[in-house]
N, C-alpha and C. Protein backbone atom coordinates (compact mmCIF):
# COMPACT_ATOMS: atom_id res chain seq x y z
N MET A 1 -68.27 -21.74 -26.34
CA MET A 1 -68.01 -22.11 -24.96
C MET A 1 -67.00 -23.26 -24.87
N LEU A 2 -67.13 -24.23 -25.77
CA LEU A 2 -66.19 -25.35 -25.80
C LEU A 2 -64.79 -24.87 -26.10
N SER A 3 -64.67 -23.88 -27.00
CA SER A 3 -63.35 -23.35 -27.36
C SER A 3 -62.69 -22.68 -26.16
N ILE A 4 -63.46 -21.93 -25.36
CA ILE A 4 -62.91 -21.27 -24.17
C ILE A 4 -62.48 -22.31 -23.14
N ALA A 5 -63.32 -23.32 -22.92
CA ALA A 5 -62.99 -24.38 -21.96
C ALA A 5 -61.72 -25.11 -22.38
N THR A 6 -61.62 -25.44 -23.66
CA THR A 6 -60.43 -26.14 -24.17
C THR A 6 -59.18 -25.29 -23.97
N ALA A 7 -59.27 -24.02 -24.33
CA ALA A 7 -58.12 -23.12 -24.19
C ALA A 7 -57.71 -22.97 -22.73
N PHE A 8 -58.70 -22.85 -21.83
CA PHE A 8 -58.39 -22.68 -20.41
C PHE A 8 -57.74 -23.94 -19.83
N ILE A 9 -58.19 -25.10 -20.25
CA ILE A 9 -57.58 -26.35 -19.77
C ILE A 9 -56.13 -26.44 -20.22
N LEU A 10 -55.88 -26.14 -21.50
CA LEU A 10 -54.52 -26.22 -22.04
C LEU A 10 -53.59 -25.21 -21.37
N ILE A 11 -54.06 -23.97 -21.18
CA ILE A 11 -53.19 -22.96 -20.58
C ILE A 11 -52.98 -23.24 -19.09
N THR A 12 -53.95 -23.87 -18.44
CA THR A 12 -53.78 -24.25 -17.03
C THR A 12 -52.70 -25.31 -16.89
N ILE A 13 -52.70 -26.29 -17.78
CA ILE A 13 -51.66 -27.33 -17.77
C ILE A 13 -50.29 -26.69 -17.96
N TYR A 14 -50.21 -25.77 -18.94
CA TYR A 14 -48.94 -25.08 -19.20
C TYR A 14 -48.51 -24.27 -17.97
N ASN A 15 -49.43 -23.50 -17.38
CA ASN A 15 -49.10 -22.67 -16.22
C ASN A 15 -48.62 -23.51 -15.04
N PHE A 16 -49.27 -24.65 -14.84
CA PHE A 16 -48.88 -25.54 -13.74
C PHE A 16 -47.44 -26.01 -13.92
N LYS A 17 -47.11 -26.44 -15.14
CA LYS A 17 -45.74 -26.91 -15.41
C LYS A 17 -44.74 -25.76 -15.29
N GLN A 18 -45.13 -24.59 -15.77
CA GLN A 18 -44.24 -23.43 -15.69
C GLN A 18 -43.98 -23.04 -14.25
N GLN A 19 -45.02 -23.03 -13.42
CA GLN A 19 -44.85 -22.65 -12.02
C GLN A 19 -43.95 -23.63 -11.28
N LYS A 20 -44.10 -24.90 -11.59
CA LYS A 20 -43.22 -25.90 -10.98
C LYS A 20 -41.76 -25.61 -11.33
N LEU A 21 -41.52 -25.22 -12.59
CA LEU A 21 -40.16 -24.88 -13.03
C LEU A 21 -39.66 -23.64 -12.29
N PHE A 22 -40.51 -22.62 -12.19
CA PHE A 22 -40.14 -21.39 -11.47
C PHE A 22 -39.75 -21.71 -10.02
N GLU A 23 -40.57 -22.53 -9.37
CA GLU A 23 -40.32 -22.83 -7.97
C GLU A 23 -39.05 -23.66 -7.78
N ARG A 24 -38.82 -24.60 -8.69
CA ARG A 24 -37.66 -25.48 -8.58
C ARG A 24 -36.36 -24.73 -8.88
N VAL A 25 -36.35 -23.97 -9.95
CA VAL A 25 -35.12 -23.33 -10.42
C VAL A 25 -34.89 -21.97 -9.76
N LEU A 26 -35.94 -21.16 -9.65
CA LEU A 26 -35.78 -19.78 -9.20
C LEU A 26 -36.34 -19.51 -7.80
N LYS A 27 -36.96 -20.52 -7.20
CA LYS A 27 -37.63 -20.32 -5.90
C LYS A 27 -38.58 -19.11 -5.97
N TYR A 28 -39.38 -19.10 -7.03
CA TYR A 28 -40.18 -17.92 -7.38
C TYR A 28 -41.63 -18.32 -7.59
N LYS A 29 -42.55 -17.60 -6.96
CA LYS A 29 -43.98 -17.91 -7.13
C LYS A 29 -44.65 -16.77 -7.88
N GLU A 30 -45.33 -17.10 -8.95
CA GLU A 30 -46.00 -16.11 -9.80
C GLU A 30 -47.51 -16.20 -9.62
N GLN A 31 -48.19 -15.04 -9.69
CA GLN A 31 -49.65 -15.04 -9.62
C GLN A 31 -50.26 -14.09 -10.65
N ALA A 32 -49.83 -12.84 -10.63
CA ALA A 32 -50.43 -11.82 -11.50
C ALA A 32 -50.33 -12.22 -12.97
N HIS A 33 -49.19 -12.80 -13.34
CA HIS A 33 -48.97 -13.21 -14.74
C HIS A 33 -50.05 -14.19 -15.20
N TYR A 34 -50.39 -15.14 -14.33
CA TYR A 34 -51.39 -16.15 -14.70
C TYR A 34 -52.80 -15.56 -14.76
N VAL A 35 -53.10 -14.67 -13.83
CA VAL A 35 -54.43 -14.03 -13.84
C VAL A 35 -54.62 -13.24 -15.12
N ILE A 36 -53.63 -12.42 -15.47
CA ILE A 36 -53.71 -11.64 -16.72
C ILE A 36 -53.72 -12.60 -17.91
N GLY A 37 -52.97 -13.69 -17.80
CA GLY A 37 -52.91 -14.69 -18.88
C GLY A 37 -54.27 -15.31 -19.18
N TYR A 38 -55.07 -15.58 -18.15
CA TYR A 38 -56.41 -16.12 -18.38
C TYR A 38 -57.30 -15.10 -19.08
N PHE A 39 -57.16 -13.84 -18.69
CA PHE A 39 -57.91 -12.79 -19.37
C PHE A 39 -57.46 -12.68 -20.83
N PHE A 40 -56.14 -12.78 -21.05
CA PHE A 40 -55.58 -12.73 -22.41
C PHE A 40 -56.11 -13.88 -23.26
N MET A 41 -56.16 -15.07 -22.67
CA MET A 41 -56.65 -16.24 -23.41
C MET A 41 -58.13 -16.07 -23.75
N PHE A 42 -58.91 -15.59 -22.80
CA PHE A 42 -60.33 -15.34 -23.04
C PHE A 42 -60.49 -14.33 -24.19
N TYR A 43 -59.72 -13.26 -24.12
CA TYR A 43 -59.75 -12.22 -25.18
C TYR A 43 -59.42 -12.81 -26.55
N LEU A 44 -58.36 -13.62 -26.62
CA LEU A 44 -57.95 -14.20 -27.91
C LEU A 44 -59.01 -15.14 -28.47
N VAL A 45 -59.55 -16.01 -27.63
CA VAL A 45 -60.53 -16.99 -28.12
C VAL A 45 -61.81 -16.29 -28.56
N VAL A 46 -62.30 -15.33 -27.77
CA VAL A 46 -63.51 -14.60 -28.16
C VAL A 46 -63.28 -13.84 -29.46
N MET A 47 -62.10 -13.21 -29.57
CA MET A 47 -61.79 -12.47 -30.80
C MET A 47 -61.76 -13.41 -32.01
N LEU A 48 -61.04 -14.51 -31.89
CA LEU A 48 -60.91 -15.43 -33.03
C LEU A 48 -62.22 -16.14 -33.36
N LYS A 49 -62.88 -16.67 -32.33
CA LYS A 49 -64.06 -17.52 -32.56
C LYS A 49 -65.33 -16.72 -32.84
N GLU A 50 -65.57 -15.70 -32.02
CA GLU A 50 -66.85 -15.00 -32.09
C GLU A 50 -66.83 -13.77 -32.99
N ILE A 51 -65.74 -13.03 -32.98
CA ILE A 51 -65.70 -11.76 -33.73
C ILE A 51 -65.13 -11.96 -35.13
N ILE A 52 -63.97 -12.60 -35.20
CA ILE A 52 -63.29 -12.76 -36.49
C ILE A 52 -63.95 -13.84 -37.34
N GLY A 53 -64.40 -14.90 -36.71
CA GLY A 53 -64.92 -16.03 -37.47
C GLY A 53 -63.79 -16.91 -37.99
N PHE A 54 -62.84 -17.21 -37.09
CA PHE A 54 -61.69 -18.06 -37.43
C PHE A 54 -62.20 -19.39 -37.98
N PRO A 55 -61.50 -19.97 -38.98
CA PRO A 55 -61.97 -21.25 -39.53
C PRO A 55 -62.11 -22.32 -38.44
N SER A 56 -63.12 -23.15 -38.59
CA SER A 56 -63.32 -24.24 -37.63
C SER A 56 -63.52 -25.54 -38.39
N LEU A 57 -63.21 -26.62 -37.72
CA LEU A 57 -63.33 -27.95 -38.32
C LEU A 57 -64.78 -28.24 -38.72
N SER A 58 -65.73 -27.88 -37.86
CA SER A 58 -67.14 -28.14 -38.16
C SER A 58 -67.60 -27.34 -39.38
N ASN A 59 -67.13 -26.10 -39.48
CA ASN A 59 -67.48 -25.27 -40.63
C ASN A 59 -66.88 -25.84 -41.92
N TRP A 60 -65.63 -26.28 -41.84
CA TRP A 60 -64.99 -26.87 -43.01
C TRP A 60 -65.74 -28.12 -43.48
N ARG A 61 -66.21 -28.93 -42.54
CA ARG A 61 -66.96 -30.13 -42.92
C ARG A 61 -68.23 -29.75 -43.69
N ARG A 62 -68.94 -28.74 -43.17
CA ARG A 62 -70.17 -28.28 -43.85
C ARG A 62 -69.87 -27.78 -45.25
N VAL A 63 -68.84 -26.96 -45.37
CA VAL A 63 -68.48 -26.37 -46.66
C VAL A 63 -68.04 -27.45 -47.64
N LEU A 64 -67.25 -28.40 -47.17
CA LEU A 64 -66.80 -29.49 -48.05
C LEU A 64 -67.96 -30.33 -48.54
N ASN A 65 -68.95 -30.56 -47.69
CA ASN A 65 -70.12 -31.34 -48.09
C ASN A 65 -70.93 -30.62 -49.16
N VAL A 66 -70.99 -29.29 -49.08
CA VAL A 66 -71.81 -28.53 -50.01
C VAL A 66 -71.04 -28.15 -51.27
N GLN A 67 -69.82 -27.63 -51.08
CA GLN A 67 -69.09 -27.08 -52.22
C GLN A 67 -67.84 -27.85 -52.61
N GLY A 68 -67.32 -28.64 -51.71
CA GLY A 68 -66.13 -29.43 -52.02
C GLY A 68 -64.84 -28.63 -52.01
N ASN A 69 -64.85 -27.39 -51.49
CA ASN A 69 -63.65 -26.56 -51.49
C ASN A 69 -63.70 -25.57 -50.33
N ILE A 70 -62.66 -25.60 -49.48
CA ILE A 70 -62.64 -24.68 -48.34
C ILE A 70 -61.88 -23.38 -48.65
N PHE A 71 -61.13 -23.38 -49.73
CA PHE A 71 -60.36 -22.19 -50.10
C PHE A 71 -61.28 -21.21 -50.82
N ASP A 72 -61.52 -20.06 -50.19
CA ASP A 72 -62.48 -19.10 -50.73
C ASP A 72 -61.90 -17.68 -50.67
N PRO A 73 -60.90 -17.39 -51.52
CA PRO A 73 -60.22 -16.09 -51.41
C PRO A 73 -61.08 -14.91 -51.86
N ASN A 74 -61.12 -13.91 -51.01
CA ASN A 74 -61.75 -12.63 -51.31
C ASN A 74 -60.76 -11.58 -50.79
N ILE A 75 -59.88 -11.12 -51.67
CA ILE A 75 -58.72 -10.32 -51.25
C ILE A 75 -58.86 -8.88 -51.71
N SER A 76 -58.60 -7.95 -50.77
CA SER A 76 -58.59 -6.52 -51.08
C SER A 76 -57.22 -5.96 -50.69
N LEU A 77 -56.42 -5.58 -51.68
CA LEU A 77 -55.06 -5.10 -51.43
C LEU A 77 -54.89 -3.60 -51.60
N ILE A 78 -55.95 -2.90 -51.97
CA ILE A 78 -55.87 -1.45 -52.13
C ILE A 78 -56.43 -0.79 -50.86
N PRO A 79 -55.56 -0.06 -50.13
CA PRO A 79 -56.02 0.51 -48.85
C PRO A 79 -57.11 1.56 -49.02
N PHE A 80 -58.13 1.46 -48.20
CA PHE A 80 -59.20 2.45 -48.04
C PHE A 80 -59.82 2.87 -49.38
N GLN A 81 -60.06 1.87 -50.21
CA GLN A 81 -60.68 2.12 -51.52
C GLN A 81 -62.08 2.71 -51.37
N GLN A 82 -62.79 2.31 -50.32
CA GLN A 82 -64.14 2.83 -50.07
C GLN A 82 -64.14 3.82 -48.91
N GLY A 83 -62.98 4.36 -48.58
CA GLY A 83 -62.88 5.27 -47.45
C GLY A 83 -62.74 4.50 -46.14
N ILE A 84 -62.81 5.22 -45.05
CA ILE A 84 -62.73 4.58 -43.73
C ILE A 84 -64.15 4.23 -43.28
N LEU A 85 -64.36 2.95 -43.04
CA LEU A 85 -65.68 2.44 -42.69
C LEU A 85 -65.81 2.25 -41.17
N TYR A 86 -67.02 2.05 -40.72
CA TYR A 86 -67.32 1.80 -39.30
C TYR A 86 -66.54 0.59 -38.80
N SER A 87 -66.45 -0.45 -39.64
CA SER A 87 -65.74 -1.67 -39.25
C SER A 87 -64.25 -1.41 -39.02
N ASP A 88 -63.70 -0.40 -39.68
CA ASP A 88 -62.29 -0.06 -39.47
C ASP A 88 -62.06 0.44 -38.04
N TYR A 89 -62.99 1.24 -37.54
CA TYR A 89 -62.90 1.73 -36.16
C TYR A 89 -63.04 0.57 -35.17
N LEU A 90 -63.90 -0.39 -35.50
CA LEU A 90 -64.07 -1.56 -34.63
C LEU A 90 -62.79 -2.39 -34.58
N ASN A 91 -62.08 -2.48 -35.71
CA ASN A 91 -60.81 -3.20 -35.73
C ASN A 91 -59.80 -2.55 -34.81
N ILE A 92 -59.77 -1.22 -34.80
CA ILE A 92 -58.87 -0.52 -33.88
C ILE A 92 -59.22 -0.87 -32.44
N LEU A 93 -60.50 -0.76 -32.10
CA LEU A 93 -60.94 -1.06 -30.73
C LEU A 93 -60.63 -2.50 -30.33
N MET A 94 -60.78 -3.42 -31.27
CA MET A 94 -60.57 -4.84 -30.99
C MET A 94 -59.11 -5.14 -30.63
N PHE A 95 -58.17 -4.37 -31.19
CA PHE A 95 -56.75 -4.66 -30.96
C PHE A 95 -56.10 -3.80 -29.89
N ILE A 96 -56.82 -2.81 -29.36
CA ILE A 96 -56.25 -1.99 -28.27
C ILE A 96 -55.88 -2.84 -27.06
N PRO A 97 -56.74 -3.79 -26.62
CA PRO A 97 -56.36 -4.60 -25.46
C PRO A 97 -55.05 -5.36 -25.65
N LEU A 98 -54.76 -5.78 -26.87
CA LEU A 98 -53.52 -6.51 -27.14
C LEU A 98 -52.31 -5.65 -26.81
N GLY A 99 -52.36 -4.38 -27.21
CA GLY A 99 -51.25 -3.47 -26.94
C GLY A 99 -51.05 -3.17 -25.46
N ILE A 100 -52.10 -3.38 -24.68
CA ILE A 100 -52.01 -3.16 -23.23
C ILE A 100 -51.55 -4.44 -22.52
N ILE A 101 -52.10 -5.58 -22.92
CA ILE A 101 -51.84 -6.84 -22.23
C ILE A 101 -50.41 -7.33 -22.43
N LEU A 102 -49.88 -7.22 -23.64
CA LEU A 102 -48.54 -7.76 -23.91
C LEU A 102 -47.47 -7.20 -22.97
N PRO A 103 -47.34 -5.86 -22.84
CA PRO A 103 -46.31 -5.37 -21.91
C PRO A 103 -46.65 -5.61 -20.44
N LEU A 104 -47.92 -5.85 -20.13
CA LEU A 104 -48.28 -6.20 -18.75
C LEU A 104 -47.79 -7.60 -18.39
N MET A 105 -47.76 -8.49 -19.39
CA MET A 105 -47.39 -9.88 -19.13
C MET A 105 -45.89 -10.15 -19.28
N TRP A 106 -45.25 -9.48 -20.23
CA TRP A 106 -43.85 -9.79 -20.52
C TRP A 106 -43.05 -8.50 -20.72
N ARG A 107 -41.91 -8.40 -20.07
CA ARG A 107 -41.06 -7.20 -20.16
C ARG A 107 -40.59 -6.92 -21.58
N LYS A 108 -40.39 -7.96 -22.33
CA LYS A 108 -39.94 -7.82 -23.72
C LYS A 108 -40.81 -6.83 -24.50
N TYR A 109 -42.11 -6.81 -24.20
CA TYR A 109 -43.05 -5.98 -24.95
C TYR A 109 -43.16 -4.55 -24.40
N HIS A 110 -42.25 -4.19 -23.50
CA HIS A 110 -42.13 -2.78 -23.14
C HIS A 110 -41.56 -2.01 -24.33
N GLN A 111 -40.90 -2.73 -25.23
CA GLN A 111 -40.41 -2.12 -26.48
C GLN A 111 -41.56 -2.03 -27.48
N PHE A 112 -41.76 -0.84 -27.99
CA PHE A 112 -42.85 -0.61 -28.95
C PHE A 112 -42.75 -1.53 -30.15
N SER A 113 -41.54 -1.69 -30.70
CA SER A 113 -41.36 -2.48 -31.93
C SER A 113 -41.75 -3.94 -31.73
N LYS A 114 -41.47 -4.49 -30.53
CA LYS A 114 -41.82 -5.89 -30.26
C LYS A 114 -43.34 -6.05 -30.17
N THR A 115 -44.00 -5.10 -29.53
CA THR A 115 -45.46 -5.17 -29.41
C THR A 115 -46.11 -5.02 -30.78
N LEU A 116 -45.63 -4.08 -31.56
CA LEU A 116 -46.17 -3.87 -32.91
C LEU A 116 -45.96 -5.11 -33.78
N SER A 117 -44.78 -5.73 -33.69
CA SER A 117 -44.50 -6.94 -34.47
C SER A 117 -45.46 -8.07 -34.11
N TYR A 118 -45.70 -8.25 -32.81
CA TYR A 118 -46.62 -9.29 -32.36
C TYR A 118 -48.03 -9.02 -32.88
N GLY A 119 -48.49 -7.77 -32.74
CA GLY A 119 -49.83 -7.41 -33.21
C GLY A 119 -49.97 -7.57 -34.70
N PHE A 120 -48.95 -7.15 -35.44
CA PHE A 120 -48.98 -7.29 -36.90
C PHE A 120 -49.01 -8.77 -37.28
N GLY A 121 -48.20 -9.58 -36.60
CA GLY A 121 -48.17 -11.02 -36.89
C GLY A 121 -49.51 -11.69 -36.63
N LEU A 122 -50.13 -11.34 -35.51
CA LEU A 122 -51.46 -11.90 -35.19
C LEU A 122 -52.48 -11.46 -36.23
N SER A 123 -52.44 -10.20 -36.59
CA SER A 123 -53.37 -9.69 -37.60
C SER A 123 -53.16 -10.38 -38.95
N LEU A 124 -51.90 -10.59 -39.31
CA LEU A 124 -51.60 -11.28 -40.57
C LEU A 124 -52.12 -12.72 -40.54
N LEU A 125 -51.95 -13.40 -39.41
CA LEU A 125 -52.49 -14.76 -39.26
C LEU A 125 -54.00 -14.76 -39.47
N ILE A 126 -54.68 -13.78 -38.87
CA ILE A 126 -56.13 -13.68 -39.01
C ILE A 126 -56.52 -13.45 -40.47
N GLU A 127 -55.82 -12.54 -41.13
CA GLU A 127 -56.16 -12.24 -42.53
C GLU A 127 -55.90 -13.44 -43.44
N ILE A 128 -54.85 -14.18 -43.19
CA ILE A 128 -54.57 -15.40 -43.98
C ILE A 128 -55.66 -16.44 -43.72
N SER A 129 -56.11 -16.54 -42.46
CA SER A 129 -57.16 -17.52 -42.13
C SER A 129 -58.46 -17.21 -42.86
N GLN A 130 -58.69 -15.92 -43.18
CA GLN A 130 -59.92 -15.53 -43.88
C GLN A 130 -59.99 -16.14 -45.29
N LEU A 131 -58.85 -16.53 -45.83
CA LEU A 131 -58.83 -17.18 -47.14
C LEU A 131 -59.55 -18.53 -47.11
N PHE A 132 -59.69 -19.08 -45.90
CA PHE A 132 -60.29 -20.40 -45.74
C PHE A 132 -61.62 -20.33 -44.99
N THR A 133 -62.26 -19.18 -45.07
CA THR A 133 -63.54 -18.96 -44.38
C THR A 133 -64.53 -18.35 -45.36
N ARG A 134 -65.71 -18.90 -45.41
CA ARG A 134 -66.75 -18.39 -46.31
C ARG A 134 -67.21 -17.00 -45.87
N PHE A 135 -67.47 -16.15 -46.84
CA PHE A 135 -68.05 -14.82 -46.62
C PHE A 135 -67.15 -13.90 -45.78
N ARG A 136 -65.85 -14.14 -45.80
CA ARG A 136 -64.90 -13.25 -45.13
C ARG A 136 -63.89 -12.75 -46.15
N ALA A 137 -63.33 -11.58 -45.89
CA ALA A 137 -62.38 -10.98 -46.83
C ALA A 137 -61.02 -10.80 -46.17
N THR A 138 -59.97 -11.06 -46.94
CA THR A 138 -58.61 -10.74 -46.53
C THR A 138 -58.36 -9.32 -47.00
N ASP A 139 -58.27 -8.39 -46.05
CA ASP A 139 -58.31 -6.97 -46.37
C ASP A 139 -57.11 -6.24 -45.78
N ILE A 140 -56.41 -5.47 -46.61
CA ILE A 140 -55.26 -4.68 -46.16
C ILE A 140 -55.69 -3.64 -45.12
N ASN A 141 -56.92 -3.16 -45.22
CA ASN A 141 -57.43 -2.19 -44.24
C ASN A 141 -57.43 -2.78 -42.83
N ASP A 142 -57.83 -4.05 -42.73
CA ASP A 142 -57.86 -4.71 -41.42
C ASP A 142 -56.46 -4.79 -40.82
N LEU A 143 -55.49 -5.11 -41.67
CA LEU A 143 -54.11 -5.21 -41.22
C LEU A 143 -53.61 -3.86 -40.69
N ILE A 144 -53.93 -2.81 -41.40
CA ILE A 144 -53.52 -1.46 -40.99
C ILE A 144 -54.21 -1.04 -39.69
N MET A 145 -55.53 -1.21 -39.64
CA MET A 145 -56.29 -0.76 -38.48
C MET A 145 -56.00 -1.61 -37.24
N ASN A 146 -55.81 -2.91 -37.42
CA ASN A 146 -55.44 -3.76 -36.30
C ASN A 146 -54.11 -3.31 -35.70
N SER A 147 -53.15 -3.03 -36.58
CA SER A 147 -51.83 -2.57 -36.13
C SER A 147 -51.94 -1.22 -35.43
N LEU A 148 -52.79 -0.35 -35.94
CA LEU A 148 -53.02 0.95 -35.30
C LEU A 148 -53.62 0.77 -33.91
N GLY A 149 -54.54 -0.20 -33.77
CA GLY A 149 -55.12 -0.50 -32.47
C GLY A 149 -54.08 -0.96 -31.47
N VAL A 150 -53.14 -1.82 -31.91
CA VAL A 150 -52.06 -2.29 -31.05
C VAL A 150 -51.21 -1.10 -30.59
N CYS A 151 -50.89 -0.20 -31.54
CA CYS A 151 -50.10 1.00 -31.21
C CYS A 151 -50.80 1.85 -30.16
N MET A 152 -52.10 2.05 -30.32
CA MET A 152 -52.86 2.86 -29.36
C MET A 152 -52.90 2.20 -27.99
N GLY A 153 -53.05 0.86 -27.98
CA GLY A 153 -53.04 0.13 -26.72
C GLY A 153 -51.71 0.27 -26.01
N TRP A 154 -50.61 0.16 -26.76
CA TRP A 154 -49.27 0.30 -26.18
C TRP A 154 -49.08 1.71 -25.61
N LEU A 155 -49.58 2.72 -26.32
CA LEU A 155 -49.47 4.10 -25.82
C LEU A 155 -50.28 4.28 -24.53
N ILE A 156 -51.45 3.67 -24.48
CA ILE A 156 -52.26 3.72 -23.25
C ILE A 156 -51.48 3.07 -22.10
N TYR A 157 -50.87 1.92 -22.40
CA TYR A 157 -50.06 1.25 -21.39
C TYR A 157 -48.94 2.17 -20.91
N ARG A 158 -48.22 2.81 -21.84
CA ARG A 158 -47.09 3.67 -21.48
C ARG A 158 -47.55 4.85 -20.62
N ILE A 159 -48.70 5.41 -20.95
CA ILE A 159 -49.21 6.55 -20.18
C ILE A 159 -49.47 6.16 -18.73
N PHE A 160 -50.02 4.97 -18.53
CA PHE A 160 -50.40 4.53 -17.19
C PHE A 160 -49.40 3.54 -16.57
N SER A 161 -48.27 3.31 -17.26
CA SER A 161 -47.35 2.25 -16.82
C SER A 161 -46.79 2.47 -15.42
N LYS A 162 -46.47 3.71 -15.07
CA LYS A 162 -45.90 3.96 -13.74
C LYS A 162 -46.89 3.55 -12.65
N LEU A 163 -48.15 3.84 -12.87
CA LEU A 163 -49.18 3.47 -11.91
C LEU A 163 -49.40 1.96 -11.90
N ILE A 164 -49.48 1.36 -13.11
CA ILE A 164 -49.76 -0.08 -13.24
C ILE A 164 -48.62 -0.91 -12.68
N LEU A 165 -47.37 -0.53 -12.99
CA LEU A 165 -46.23 -1.36 -12.62
C LEU A 165 -45.93 -1.36 -11.13
N LYS A 166 -46.60 -0.49 -10.36
CA LYS A 166 -46.48 -0.56 -8.91
C LYS A 166 -47.16 -1.82 -8.38
N LYS A 167 -48.14 -2.33 -9.13
CA LYS A 167 -48.91 -3.48 -8.69
C LYS A 167 -48.57 -4.76 -9.45
N ILE A 168 -48.09 -4.62 -10.69
CA ILE A 168 -47.83 -5.79 -11.55
C ILE A 168 -46.40 -5.74 -12.06
N ASP A 169 -45.70 -6.84 -11.93
CA ASP A 169 -44.33 -6.92 -12.44
C ASP A 169 -44.30 -7.96 -13.56
N PRO A 170 -44.20 -7.52 -14.81
CA PRO A 170 -44.19 -8.49 -15.92
C PRO A 170 -42.98 -9.42 -15.82
N ILE A 171 -43.17 -10.66 -16.22
CA ILE A 171 -42.05 -11.61 -16.14
C ILE A 171 -41.12 -11.40 -17.33
N PRO A 172 -39.82 -11.64 -17.12
CA PRO A 172 -38.90 -11.61 -18.25
C PRO A 172 -39.07 -12.91 -19.05
N LEU A 173 -38.82 -12.83 -20.33
CA LEU A 173 -38.79 -14.06 -21.12
C LEU A 173 -37.35 -14.55 -21.10
N PHE A 174 -37.12 -15.65 -20.43
CA PHE A 174 -35.77 -16.10 -20.20
C PHE A 174 -35.16 -16.61 -21.51
N GLN A 175 -34.12 -15.92 -21.94
CA GLN A 175 -33.50 -16.24 -23.23
C GLN A 175 -32.85 -17.61 -23.22
N SER A 176 -32.50 -18.10 -22.03
CA SER A 176 -31.86 -19.42 -21.95
C SER A 176 -32.86 -20.55 -22.18
N SER A 177 -34.14 -20.23 -22.09
CA SER A 177 -35.17 -21.25 -22.25
C SER A 177 -36.02 -20.95 -23.48
N ARG A 178 -35.89 -21.76 -24.50
CA ARG A 178 -36.70 -21.58 -25.70
C ARG A 178 -38.18 -21.79 -25.38
N PHE A 179 -38.44 -22.69 -24.46
CA PHE A 179 -39.82 -22.99 -24.07
C PHE A 179 -40.49 -21.75 -23.51
N LEU A 180 -39.83 -21.06 -22.57
CA LEU A 180 -40.41 -19.86 -21.97
C LEU A 180 -40.43 -18.69 -22.95
N ALA A 181 -39.42 -18.59 -23.80
CA ALA A 181 -39.38 -17.50 -24.77
C ALA A 181 -40.51 -17.63 -25.79
N PHE A 182 -41.01 -18.84 -25.99
CA PHE A 182 -42.09 -19.10 -26.95
C PHE A 182 -43.46 -18.78 -26.36
N GLU A 183 -43.54 -18.52 -25.06
CA GLU A 183 -44.82 -18.39 -24.37
C GLU A 183 -45.81 -17.41 -25.01
N PRO A 184 -45.41 -16.20 -25.41
CA PRO A 184 -46.41 -15.29 -26.01
C PRO A 184 -47.06 -15.87 -27.26
N LYS A 185 -46.29 -16.59 -28.06
CA LYS A 185 -46.84 -17.21 -29.27
C LYS A 185 -47.70 -18.43 -28.90
N LEU A 186 -47.36 -19.07 -27.79
CA LEU A 186 -48.12 -20.23 -27.34
C LEU A 186 -49.57 -19.85 -27.04
N TYR A 187 -49.79 -18.67 -26.50
CA TYR A 187 -51.15 -18.22 -26.22
C TYR A 187 -51.98 -18.16 -27.51
N VAL A 188 -51.40 -17.60 -28.56
CA VAL A 188 -52.11 -17.52 -29.85
C VAL A 188 -52.34 -18.91 -30.42
N LEU A 189 -51.32 -19.76 -30.32
CA LEU A 189 -51.43 -21.12 -30.85
C LEU A 189 -52.56 -21.88 -30.15
N ILE A 190 -52.62 -21.80 -28.82
CA ILE A 190 -53.68 -22.49 -28.08
C ILE A 190 -55.03 -21.93 -28.44
N ALA A 191 -55.16 -20.59 -28.51
CA ALA A 191 -56.45 -19.97 -28.87
C ALA A 191 -56.88 -20.38 -30.28
N ALA A 192 -55.94 -20.43 -31.21
CA ALA A 192 -56.27 -20.80 -32.60
C ALA A 192 -56.69 -22.27 -32.68
N VAL A 193 -55.97 -23.14 -32.01
CA VAL A 193 -56.31 -24.58 -32.02
C VAL A 193 -57.68 -24.80 -31.37
N ALA A 194 -57.92 -24.16 -30.21
CA ALA A 194 -59.20 -24.32 -29.52
C ALA A 194 -60.35 -23.80 -30.38
N SER A 195 -60.13 -22.68 -31.07
CA SER A 195 -61.17 -22.12 -31.95
C SER A 195 -61.43 -23.03 -33.14
N PHE A 196 -60.37 -23.60 -33.69
CA PHE A 196 -60.50 -24.45 -34.86
C PHE A 196 -61.21 -25.76 -34.53
N LEU A 197 -60.89 -26.34 -33.38
CA LEU A 197 -61.45 -27.67 -33.04
C LEU A 197 -62.89 -27.62 -32.54
N SER A 198 -63.36 -26.46 -32.09
CA SER A 198 -64.71 -26.41 -31.51
C SER A 198 -65.75 -26.03 -32.54
């Protein structure tokens, strides 16, 4: 709960500053982007903190007191060595929302390759974080299935995009502003920091 509150406070501060910029420079008021953004932040924090078991400062303190080492690699690099497991299907389901939310929030992710790259990058970050978490494995299967989930989510978005885009207009990522272009990554950064600190 603390992680969600922290993430929401940080993203609210960012949204407030961004809206002021939009109003001053573009005379533009945004709403749908922020509403979807809060859902996206909630999704990221719950996924990282509750489902994935992202490393946390409190957990690291406990582990250091008992074992003196937070690095606990359990790596599986051979795909589907034990076949396709139930957890593999759950990984697909967990990443489908990402493939839907990204193109809803930013026009850049209407391109399949951009959405897949973002999903793969997030999945890779999660798998690397597992190296520093007790009883978790860095698994190539997770990377594959997470990416497949993003692809399925993007396809769902494309199928329903004509209907969805009548109500929601994703914002462009303004190439002239590095700050705004960084926004999709900022969501992950805030969710990861909030999950780690709580």
